[in-house]
Amino acid sequence: MKSRDEHGEEIALIERVKELSCLYQIASIGAVHHSEPEIALEKIVHQLPAAWMFSELATAEISIDRWHFTSNNLPKSPHVQRAIINIDQKK
């Protein structure tokens, strides 16, 4: 039987693998669609929820200039994680 610490470490490792897998998928999408940013962003937004612990409850949103993408309907939840992304030195 695993100790609580071992179980916690196993969960942390599983979550890290999910994060790295998501990053790999995003890099692959960028490589394939590097000259088609709208297509790349549409694909990426659907890939992002897989990186979160409760991916079935997660929603991703990307807004850049005239483009706005979501992986599904945005919930009315107070739980938000935001990141500003710089592209060509522009926020």
C-alpha atoms as a PDB file:
ATOM      1  CA  MET A   1       0.000   0.000   0.000  1.00  0.00           C
ATOM      2  CA  LYS A   2       1.299   3.431  -0.939  1.00  0.00           C
ATOM      3  CA  SER A   3       1.850   6.103   1.648  1.00  0.00           C
ATOM      4  CA  ARG A   4       0.107   9.447   1.338  1.00  0.00           C
ATOM      5  CA  ASP A   5       3.401  11.037   0.201  1.00  0.00           C
ATOM      6  CA  GLU A   6       3.936   8.389  -2.489  1.00  0.00           C
ATOM      7  CA  HIS A   7       0.376   8.834  -3.713  1.00  0.00           C
ATOM      8  CA  GLY A   8       0.841  12.614  -3.842  1.00  0.00           C
ATOM      9  CA  GLU A   9       4.087  12.246  -5.774  1.00  0.00           C
ATOM     10  CA  GLU A  10       2.403   9.903  -8.245  1.00  0.00           C
ATOM     11  CA  ILE A  11      -0.416  12.382  -8.847  1.00  0.00           C
ATOM     12  CA  ALA A  12       2.092  15.213  -9.282  1.00  0.00           C
ATOM     13  CA  LEU A  13       4.019  13.162 -11.824  1.00  0.00           C
ATOM     14  CA  ILE A  14       0.861  12.276 -13.762  1.00  0.00           C
ATOM     15  CA  GLU A  15      -0.125  15.951 -13.869  1.00  0.00           C
ATOM     16  CA  ARG A  16       3.353  16.992 -15.025  1.00  0.00           C
ATOM     17  CA  VAL A  17       3.214  14.448 -17.845  1.00  0.00           C
ATOM     18  CA  LYS A  18      -0.158  15.914 -18.900  1.00  0.00           C
ATOM     19  CA  GLU A  19       1.345  19.410 -18.927  1.00  0.00           C
ATOM     20  CA  LEU A  20       4.364  18.349 -20.967  1.00  0.00           C
ATOM     21  CA  SER A  21       2.175  16.398 -23.397  1.00  0.00           C
ATOM     22  CA  CYS A  22       0.031  19.480 -23.889  1.00  0.00           C
ATOM     23  CA  LEU A  23       3.103  21.633 -24.537  1.00  0.00           C
ATOM     24  CA  TYR A  24       4.322  19.103 -27.080  1.00  0.00           C
ATOM     25  CA  GLN A  25       0.946  19.136 -28.851  1.00  0.00           C
ATOM     26  CA  ILE A  26       0.939  22.944 -28.925  1.00  0.00           C
ATOM     27  CA  ALA A  27       4.462  23.007 -30.372  1.00  0.00           C
ATOM     28  CA  SER A  28       3.417  20.451 -32.990  1.00  0.00           C
ATOM     29  CA  ILE A  29       0.370  22.528 -33.944  1.00  0.00           C
ATOM     30  CA  GLY A  30       2.583  25.617 -34.227  1.00  0.00           C
ATOM     31  CA  ALA A  31       5.053  23.766 -36.438  1.00  0.00           C
ATOM     32  CA  VAL A  32       2.367  22.480 -38.793  1.00  0.00           C
ATOM     33  CA  HIS A  33       0.316  25.699 -38.952  1.00  0.00           C
ATOM     34  CA  HIS A  34       3.071  28.310 -38.516  1.00  0.00           C
ATOM     35  CA  SER A  35       1.797  30.327 -41.485  1.00  0.00           C
ATOM     36  CA  GLU A  36      -1.869  29.965 -40.484  1.00  0.00           C
ATOM     37  CA  PRO A  37      -2.205  31.589 -37.038  1.00  0.00           C
ATOM     38  CA  GLU A  38      -6.006  31.474 -36.962  1.00  0.00           C
ATOM     39  CA  ILE A  39      -6.047  27.713 -37.581  1.00  0.00           C
ATOM     40  CA  ALA A  40      -3.226  27.176 -35.078  1.00  0.00           C
ATOM     41  CA  LEU A  41      -5.009  29.132 -32.345  1.00  0.00           C
ATOM     42  CA  GLU A  42      -8.288  27.306 -32.954  1.00  0.00           C
ATOM     43  CA  LYS A  43      -6.520  23.963 -32.542  1.00  0.00           C
ATOM     44  CA  ILE A  44      -4.466  25.120 -29.545  1.00  0.00           C
ATOM     45  CA  VAL A  45      -7.483  26.374 -27.582  1.00  0.00           C
ATOM     46  CA  HIS A  46      -9.001  22.895 -27.785  1.00  0.00           C
ATOM     47  CA  GLN A  47      -5.738  21.303 -26.642  1.00  0.00           C
ATOM     48  CA  LEU A  48      -5.239  23.479 -23.537  1.00  0.00           C
ATOM     49  CA  PRO A  49      -7.843  21.971 -21.168  1.00  0.00           C
ATOM     50  CA  ALA A  50      -6.010  18.632 -21.290  1.00  0.00           C
ATOM     51  CA  ALA A  51      -3.194  20.198 -19.242  1.00  0.00           C
ATOM     52  CA  TRP A  52      -5.375  20.901 -16.189  1.00  0.00           C
ATOM     53  CA  MET A  53      -6.014  18.435 -13.391  1.00  0.00           C
ATOM     54  CA  PHE A  54      -9.769  18.366 -13.959  1.00  0.00           C
ATOM     55  CA  SER A  55      -9.648  18.752 -17.724  1.00  0.00           C
ATOM     56  CA  GLU A  56     -13.276  17.729 -18.169  1.00  0.00           C
ATOM     57  CA  LEU A  57     -14.253  20.876 -16.216  1.00  0.00           C
ATOM     58  CA  ALA A  58     -11.706  23.220 -17.789  1.00  0.00           C
ATOM     59  CA  THR A  59     -12.378  25.757 -20.518  1.00  0.00           C
ATOM     60  CA  ALA A  60      -9.690  27.572 -22.453  1.00  0.00           C
ATOM     61  CA  GLU A  61     -10.046  30.966 -24.084  1.00  0.00           C
ATOM     62  CA  ILE A  62      -7.649  32.802 -26.389  1.00  0.00           C
ATOM     63  CA  SER A  63      -8.263  36.414 -27.424  1.00  0.00           C
ATOM     64  CA  ILE A  64      -5.836  38.089 -29.782  1.00  0.00           C
ATOM     65  CA  ASP A  65      -6.714  41.232 -31.707  1.00  0.00           C
ATOM     66  CA  ARG A  66      -9.734  40.330 -33.851  1.00  0.00           C
ATOM     67  CA  TRP A  67      -9.650  36.626 -32.980  1.00  0.00           C
ATOM     68  CA  HIS A  68     -11.467  35.004 -30.082  1.00  0.00           C
ATOM     69  CA  PHE A  69     -11.481  31.252 -29.481  1.00  0.00           C
ATOM     70  CA  THR A  70     -12.901  29.086 -26.684  1.00  0.00           C
ATOM     71  CA  SER A  71     -12.750  25.339 -26.183  1.00  0.00           C
ATOM     72  CA  ASN A  72     -16.408  25.353 -25.071  1.00  0.00           C
ATOM     73  CA  ASN A  73     -18.837  27.718 -23.331  1.00  0.00           C
ATOM     74  CA  LEU A  74     -17.190  29.845 -20.676  1.00  0.00           C
ATOM     75  CA  PRO A  75     -18.454  29.027 -17.184  1.00  0.00           C
ATOM     76  CA  LYS A  76     -19.562  31.675 -14.719  1.00  0.00           C
ATOM     77  CA  SER A  77     -16.933  30.602 -12.229  1.00  0.00           C
ATOM     78  CA  PRO A  78     -14.655  32.645 -10.007  1.00  0.00           C
ATOM     79  CA  HIS A  79     -11.772  30.271 -10.757  1.00  0.00           C
ATOM     80  CA  VAL A  80      -9.638  31.814 -13.489  1.00  0.00           C
ATOM     81  CA  GLN A  81      -6.047  31.458 -14.587  1.00  0.00           C
ATOM     82  CA  ARG A  82      -4.775  34.146 -16.951  1.00  0.00           C
ATOM     83  CA  ALA A  83      -1.561  34.713 -18.822  1.00  0.00           C
ATOM     84  CA  ILE A  84      -0.582  37.527 -21.142  1.00  0.00           C
ATOM     85  CA  ILE A  85       1.285  36.177 -24.138  1.00  0.00           C
ATOM     86  CA  ASN A  86       3.845  38.267 -26.004  1.00  0.00           C
ATOM     87  CA  ILE A  87       4.086  37.772 -29.750  1.00  0.00           C
ATOM     88  CA  ASP A  88       6.668  39.778 -31.656  1.00  0.00           C
ATOM     89  CA  GLN A  89       7.169  41.987 -28.574  1.00  0.00           C
ATOM     90  CA  LYS A  90       3.458  42.839 -28.504  1.00  0.00           C
ATOM     91  CA  LYS A  91       1.088  41.870 -25.653  1.00  0.00           C
END
